[in-house]
Amino acid sequence: MGRYNILHPENLNRMDQQSLELQLENDTYTTVLRKEILEKTRELRRVKGEELDGLNTKELQELEQKLDLSLCRVAKKKDEMFLNEITALKRKMQDLSDVKTQVLEQGQSTYESPDTALKLGLPFPDH
């Protein structure tokens, strides 16, 4: 019996040690995540203009710069959307203009056709 039994006290101690190490590692990871969540929550509040009392002048300037950059991005996106809407509306106007032209041309060609004019009871066109 050269093999160790799993239930041998030495093996149990080793398994307990590994379990404790894993638990400690998980606790450390959880602690790190909690700290990150707290920091991001604090940062979000500051971006919203809350909890600014603890900031010094430099930190307030950095926050202001971040907000300015964000505002520029928002304005740029808004302008882009407006330009896209204007382009789409211009395209629709052109399409409507084309349809109007076609309708008018069809109306004139119908009106100018003697057969159609007679069938519709319209006056005979002068050529």
Foldseek 3Di string as FASTA:
>chain_A
DPDDDCPPPVNVVVVVVVVVVVVVVVVVVVVVVVVVVVVVVVVVCVLVVPPCVVDDPVVVVVSVVVNVVVVVVVVVVVVVVVVVVVVVVVVVVVVVVVVVVVVVVVVVVLCQDQVSCVVVVHDHDDD
